[in-house]
Every structure is written in C-alpha cells, then in structure tokens.
Amino acid sequence: MGSEETSSRAALPPFEQAEPLGPQDAAFVRDLIEVLDRHGNLDRFGLCLLHDHFPVATDEILTETTDHEARTLHTRVEKKSRTRHNKPSQWRFLPDVHHSRRDEYAGDPYEVILVCDPYSGCPPRG
C-alpha cells in the first residue's frame, strides 16, 4: 500500500461496479456542457469514469507516459517525491474537503489523481 495510509476520501468502486454514463445522465451532461462552454472550457475538459483498480497511498500518484510509435498509453504508480511527472491531467472533485495528494493543490476543491511528464512522450511529440 505504500509508506503512508490511503487518502481519507470516499472509496471509489472497482471498475467492474462503476456505472458509466447512460440515458439517465442526459440532463447532467447538458448542464455540464453549458457550464464548460460558459467558462470557455468546452474544448479543455471532459469526463472520466472514476474507479479504483488498486489502492494508491497518499505518498503515491498515478503517472502516465505515451509511446508515440507503438500508439500506447502507460499508467503506473510512482512515489510523489521521486516522480518526474509534473503536469496534472486528471482531477477528482472534493466538495467540502480541503486536501489533495499534491501539496500545490492543497486547499482546492479537487485532487490531482494523474500526472504526466511532457518530456517522456506525454503527450506525444510530433
């Protein structure tokens, strides 16, 4: 699990149990599109299905790299203190919670859950 305990945030369901978008979410998606558009972020942010595959300790972070030639995306867990990945690419909203896995976002209403290293092929150059 890592040298620190996992975050105190609410547990996420395993992927197999996470409910994807469906017809019942149409009004929610329309409202979200309206808000993103109003703030000029429609082509900047989208949605991802929050879920767990395994525990990630508070001193760890998910990282992503891209192999441009193989056209593959790789995600793995690294220690925050040792990773070269520094560009957040996925966040989790934390209403009424003031903490984050990354110190520079502590106190913000979201948690960085995935970071990328622009110098290791993420995003791919070309």
Protein backbone atom coordinates (compact mmCIF):
# COMPACT_ATOMS: atom_id res chain seq x y z
CA MET A 1 0.00 0.00 0.00
CA GLY A 2 2.91 2.40 0.43
CA SER A 3 4.55 4.05 3.39
CA GLU A 4 1.53 6.26 4.09
CA GLU A 5 -2.12 5.39 4.53
CA THR A 6 -4.53 5.79 1.66
CA SER A 7 -6.44 9.05 1.41
CA SER A 8 -9.38 9.69 3.73
CA ARG A 9 -11.63 10.48 0.77
CA ALA A 10 -14.62 8.31 -0.06
CA ALA A 11 -13.67 4.99 -1.63
CA LEU A 12 -14.26 4.58 -5.34
CA PRO A 13 -15.94 1.47 -6.72
CA PRO A 14 -13.92 -1.13 -8.61
CA PHE A 15 -14.07 -0.66 -12.39
CA GLU A 16 -16.47 -3.58 -12.79
CA GLN A 17 -19.00 -1.88 -10.48
CA ALA A 18 -18.58 1.72 -11.66
CA GLU A 19 -21.67 2.90 -13.53
CA PRO A 20 -20.87 4.53 -16.90
CA LEU A 21 -22.81 7.42 -18.45
CA GLY A 22 -26.27 6.43 -19.62
CA PRO A 23 -29.54 7.94 -20.81
CA GLN A 24 -30.40 8.92 -17.21
CA ASP A 25 -27.42 11.32 -17.29
CA ALA A 26 -28.54 13.39 -20.31
CA ALA A 27 -29.69 16.42 -18.27
CA PHE A 28 -26.50 16.33 -16.17
CA VAL A 29 -24.31 16.24 -19.29
CA ARG A 30 -26.25 19.12 -20.90
CA ASP A 31 -25.78 21.20 -17.72
CA LEU A 32 -22.08 20.34 -17.60
CA ILE A 33 -21.63 21.29 -21.27
CA GLU A 34 -23.37 24.62 -20.58
CA VAL A 35 -21.09 25.40 -17.63
CA LEU A 36 -17.93 24.39 -19.52
CA ASP A 37 -18.97 26.48 -22.52
CA ARG A 38 -19.84 29.50 -20.34
CA HIS A 39 -16.31 29.41 -18.87
CA GLY A 40 -14.55 28.77 -22.19
CA ASN A 41 -13.52 25.25 -21.19
CA LEU A 42 -15.59 23.10 -23.54
CA ASP A 43 -12.53 22.04 -25.55
CA ARG A 44 -10.33 21.80 -22.45
CA PHE A 45 -12.12 19.40 -20.09
CA GLY A 46 -14.31 16.31 -20.40
CA LEU A 47 -15.40 13.40 -18.24
CA CYS A 48 -13.75 10.23 -17.00
CA LEU A 49 -15.26 7.35 -15.05
CA LEU A 50 -13.82 7.45 -11.52
CA HIS A 51 -12.96 3.98 -10.28
CA ASP A 52 -10.26 2.01 -8.45
CA HIS A 53 -8.18 -0.90 -9.66
CA PHE A 54 -5.91 -0.96 -6.61
CA PRO A 55 -5.13 1.25 -3.59
CA VAL A 56 -2.89 4.29 -4.08
CA ALA A 57 -1.25 5.63 -0.91
CA THR A 58 -1.21 9.35 -0.12
CA ASP A 59 2.54 9.48 -0.85
CA GLU A 60 1.93 7.99 -4.33
CA ILE A 61 0.46 9.31 -7.58
CA LEU A 62 -0.70 7.73 -10.82
CA THR A 63 1.55 8.72 -13.73
CA GLU A 64 1.11 8.40 -17.47
CA THR A 65 3.54 8.18 -20.37
CA THR A 66 2.94 7.68 -24.05
CA ASP A 67 4.79 5.52 -26.56
CA HIS A 68 4.11 7.51 -29.71
CA GLU A 69 5.43 4.90 -32.14
CA ALA A 70 3.50 2.00 -30.56
CA ARG A 71 0.48 4.27 -30.00
CA THR A 72 0.10 3.11 -26.40
CA LEU A 73 -0.59 4.92 -23.15
CA HIS A 74 1.00 3.59 -19.96
CA THR A 75 -0.20 4.34 -16.43
CA ARG A 76 1.68 3.34 -13.27
CA VAL A 77 2.06 4.32 -9.63
CA GLU A 78 5.12 6.29 -8.52
CA LYS A 79 6.21 7.92 -5.28
CA LYS A 80 5.29 11.61 -5.42
CA SER A 81 8.68 12.57 -4.03
CA ARG A 82 10.55 10.75 -6.82
CA THR A 83 8.43 11.21 -9.93
CA ARG A 84 9.47 13.44 -12.83
CA HIS A 85 5.84 13.71 -13.88
CA ASN A 86 4.59 17.19 -13.09
CA LYS A 87 1.67 18.14 -15.34
CA PRO A 88 -1.72 17.15 -13.88
CA SER A 89 -4.08 15.62 -16.43
CA GLN A 90 -6.91 14.20 -14.28
CA TRP A 91 -8.60 15.55 -11.18
CA ARG A 92 -11.26 14.39 -8.76
CA PHE A 93 -13.72 16.89 -7.28
CA LEU A 94 -13.70 17.10 -3.47
CA PRO A 95 -16.64 19.23 -2.35
CA ASP A 96 -16.25 20.38 1.26
CA VAL A 97 -12.87 18.61 1.54
CA HIS A 98 -9.69 20.64 1.73
CA HIS A 99 -6.83 18.31 0.89
CA SER A 100 -5.00 16.97 -2.12
CA ARG A 101 -2.37 14.38 -2.94
CA ARG A 102 -0.25 17.22 -4.36
CA ASP A 103 0.82 19.99 -1.98
CA GLU A 104 0.36 22.78 -4.53
CA TYR A 105 -3.37 21.95 -4.73
CA ALA A 106 -3.97 21.50 -1.00
CA GLY A 107 -7.00 23.52 -0.04
CA ASP A 108 -8.53 23.40 -3.53
CA PRO A 109 -11.86 21.58 -4.06
CA TYR A 110 -10.20 18.93 -6.22
CA GLU A 111 -7.49 16.30 -6.01
CA VAL A 112 -4.91 15.58 -8.71
CA ILE A 113 -5.17 11.87 -9.48
CA LEU A 114 -2.99 11.55 -12.60
CA VAL A 115 0.11 13.43 -13.74
CA CYS A 116 2.04 13.39 -16.97
CA ASP A 117 5.66 14.16 -17.87
CA PRO A 118 5.73 16.24 -21.06
CA TYR A 119 9.37 15.23 -21.60
CA SER A 120 8.76 11.47 -21.61
CA GLY A 121 6.36 11.39 -24.52
CA CYS A 122 3.18 12.54 -22.78
CA PRO A 123 1.62 13.99 -24.72
CA PRO A 124 3.39 12.60 -27.77
CA ARG A 125 5.54 14.98 -29.76
CA GLY A 126 5.06 15.14 -33.45
